[in-house]
Amino acid sequence: MNIRKIKLALAVGLMNSNQSNPLHAITDLMLDFKEVGAYLGLTAVGNKRLNPALIKETYAIRFENCTVDVDLVSNPMTNSQAVQGFQLY
């Protein structure tokens, strides 16, 4: 599995994505790579309030051969989400 290639594809795919939910976009992008295997599930790992308007949420998207940890910053008042970062292992 070429992790550098997958990370680059995720970064470019997220920048070009027009999906409103980044978690679905990441899942769809990862499923394009056969070596990651089948989708196993999504787990909420953490939730931390940054200020009165913003919340940092951490999710683990699990596949058969790897896991993607995604940090999202969301604003519940405007229903907006932005990917702060992700790790692939």
C-alpha atoms as a PDB file:
ATOM      1  CA  MET A   1       0.000   0.000   0.000  1.00  0.00           C
ATOM      2  CA  ASN A   2       1.467   3.349  -1.053  1.00  0.00           C
ATOM      3  CA  ILE A   3       0.484   5.641   1.837  1.00  0.00           C
ATOM      4  CA  ARG A   4       2.035   8.760   0.260  1.00  0.00           C
ATOM      5  CA  LYS A   5      -0.035   8.272  -2.884  1.00  0.00           C
ATOM      6  CA  ILE A   6      -3.236   7.801  -0.864  1.00  0.00           C
ATOM      7  CA  LYS A   7      -2.559  10.875   1.321  1.00  0.00           C
ATOM      8  CA  LEU A   8      -1.937  13.018  -1.748  1.00  0.00           C
ATOM      9  CA  ALA A   9      -5.097  11.741  -3.432  1.00  0.00           C
ATOM     10  CA  LEU A  10      -7.115  12.469  -0.276  1.00  0.00           C
ATOM     11  CA  ALA A  11      -5.754  16.003   0.034  1.00  0.00           C
ATOM     12  CA  VAL A  12      -6.420  16.841  -3.616  1.00  0.00           C
ATOM     13  CA  GLY A  13      -9.778  15.075  -3.582  1.00  0.00           C
ATOM     14  CA  LEU A  14     -10.945  17.000  -0.514  1.00  0.00           C
ATOM     15  CA  MET A  15      -9.942  20.318  -2.058  1.00  0.00           C
ATOM     16  CA  ASN A  16     -11.868  19.484  -5.240  1.00  0.00           C
ATOM     17  CA  SER A  17     -14.845  17.863  -3.520  1.00  0.00           C
ATOM     18  CA  ASN A  18     -18.251  19.487  -3.665  1.00  0.00           C
ATOM     19  CA  GLN A  19     -19.811  17.181  -1.067  1.00  0.00           C
ATOM     20  CA  SER A  20     -21.178  18.900   2.011  1.00  0.00           C
ATOM     21  CA  ASN A  21     -20.052  16.070   4.327  1.00  0.00           C
ATOM     22  CA  PRO A  22     -16.258  15.601   4.370  1.00  0.00           C
ATOM     23  CA  LEU A  23     -16.513  12.192   6.068  1.00  0.00           C
ATOM     24  CA  HIS A  24     -18.500  10.808   3.136  1.00  0.00           C
ATOM     25  CA  ALA A  25     -16.049  12.404   0.707  1.00  0.00           C
ATOM     26  CA  ILE A  26     -13.083  10.740   2.439  1.00  0.00           C
ATOM     27  CA  THR A  27     -14.862   7.385   2.498  1.00  0.00           C
ATOM     28  CA  ASP A  28     -15.676   7.623  -1.216  1.00  0.00           C
ATOM     29  CA  LEU A  29     -12.120   8.655  -2.079  1.00  0.00           C
ATOM     30  CA  MET A  30     -10.619   5.808  -0.029  1.00  0.00           C
ATOM     31  CA  LEU A  31     -12.861   3.225  -1.698  1.00  0.00           C
ATOM     32  CA  ASP A  32     -11.231   4.136  -5.030  1.00  0.00           C
ATOM     33  CA  PHE A  33      -8.085   2.391  -3.751  1.00  0.00           C
ATOM     34  CA  LYS A  34      -8.445  -1.393  -3.863  1.00  0.00           C
ATOM     35  CA  GLU A  35      -5.581  -1.962  -1.402  1.00  0.00           C
ATOM     36  CA  VAL A  36      -7.434  -0.339   1.535  1.00  0.00           C
ATOM     37  CA  GLY A  37     -10.067  -3.077   1.471  1.00  0.00           C
ATOM     38  CA  ALA A  38     -13.725  -2.878   2.378  1.00  0.00           C
ATOM     39  CA  TYR A  39     -15.280  -0.158   4.509  1.00  0.00           C
ATOM     40  CA  LEU A  40     -15.759  -1.338   8.116  1.00  0.00           C
ATOM     41  CA  GLY A  41     -17.268   1.689   9.807  1.00  0.00           C
ATOM     42  CA  LEU A  42     -17.007   5.156  11.278  1.00  0.00           C
ATOM     43  CA  THR A  43     -16.333   5.831  14.960  1.00  0.00           C
ATOM     44  CA  ALA A  44     -16.410   9.127  16.839  1.00  0.00           C
ATOM     45  CA  VAL A  45     -13.172   9.291  18.826  1.00  0.00           C
ATOM     46  CA  GLY A  46     -13.224  12.738  20.409  1.00  0.00           C
ATOM     47  CA  ASN A  47     -15.156  15.956  20.792  1.00  0.00           C
ATOM     48  CA  LYS A  48     -13.669  19.202  22.121  1.00  0.00           C
ATOM     49  CA  ARG A  49     -15.118  22.714  22.232  1.00  0.00           C
ATOM     50  CA  LEU A  50     -12.627  25.259  20.858  1.00  0.00           C
ATOM     51  CA  ASN A  51     -14.730  28.344  21.555  1.00  0.00           C
ATOM     52  CA  PRO A  52     -18.467  29.102  21.900  1.00  0.00           C
ATOM     53  CA  ALA A  53     -19.015  28.674  18.159  1.00  0.00           C
ATOM     54  CA  LEU A  54     -16.543  25.933  17.103  1.00  0.00           C
ATOM     55  CA  ILE A  55     -16.189  22.269  17.991  1.00  0.00           C
ATOM     56  CA  LYS A  56     -13.272  20.003  17.086  1.00  0.00           C
ATOM     57  CA  GLU A  57     -14.425  16.461  16.375  1.00  0.00           C
ATOM     58  CA  THR A  58     -12.193  13.466  15.720  1.00  0.00           C
ATOM     59  CA  TYR A  59     -13.414  10.443  13.774  1.00  0.00           C
ATOM     60  CA  ALA A  60     -11.826   7.122  12.819  1.00  0.00           C
ATOM     61  CA  ILE A  61     -12.853   5.751   9.431  1.00  0.00           C
ATOM     62  CA  ARG A  62     -11.910   2.074   9.421  1.00  0.00           C
ATOM     63  CA  PHE A  63     -11.170  -0.102   6.414  1.00  0.00           C
ATOM     64  CA  GLU A  64      -9.877  -3.682   6.270  1.00  0.00           C
ATOM     65  CA  ASN A  65      -6.227  -2.705   5.779  1.00  0.00           C
ATOM     66  CA  CYS A  66      -5.989   0.815   7.224  1.00  0.00           C
ATOM     67  CA  THR A  67      -7.643   3.505   9.331  1.00  0.00           C
ATOM     68  CA  VAL A  68      -8.025   7.218   8.622  1.00  0.00           C
ATOM     69  CA  ASP A  69      -8.224   9.553  11.632  1.00  0.00           C
ATOM     70  CA  VAL A  70      -9.954  12.786  10.614  1.00  0.00           C
ATOM     71  CA  ASP A  71     -10.034  16.022  12.622  1.00  0.00           C
ATOM     72  CA  LEU A  72     -13.026  18.214  11.758  1.00  0.00           C
ATOM     73  CA  VAL A  73     -13.787  21.715  12.942  1.00  0.00           C
ATOM     74  CA  SER A  74     -17.516  22.317  12.855  1.00  0.00           C
ATOM     75  CA  ASN A  75     -19.848  25.187  13.552  1.00  0.00           C
ATOM     76  CA  PRO A  76     -23.237  23.854  14.691  1.00  0.00           C
ATOM     77  CA  MET A  77     -24.910  27.239  14.155  1.00  0.00           C
ATOM     78  CA  THR A  78     -24.107  27.325  10.436  1.00  0.00           C
ATOM     79  CA  ASN A  79     -23.913  23.535   9.903  1.00  0.00           C
ATOM     80  CA  SER A  80     -20.473  23.899   8.332  1.00  0.00           C
ATOM     81  CA  GLN A  81     -17.552  21.500   8.642  1.00  0.00           C
ATOM     82  CA  ALA A  82     -13.919  21.794   7.607  1.00  0.00           C
ATOM     83  CA  VAL A  83     -11.202  19.155   7.687  1.00  0.00           C
ATOM     84  CA  GLN A  84      -8.373  20.318   9.940  1.00  0.00           C
ATOM     85  CA  GLY A  85      -6.202  17.311   9.219  1.00  0.00           C
ATOM     86  CA  PHE A  86      -6.080  13.555   8.774  1.00  0.00           C
ATOM     87  CA  GLN A  87      -3.722  10.674   9.493  1.00  0.00           C
ATOM     88  CA  LEU A  88      -3.574   7.398   7.663  1.00  0.00           C
ATOM     89  CA  TYR A  89      -2.181   4.276   9.281  1.00  0.00           C
END
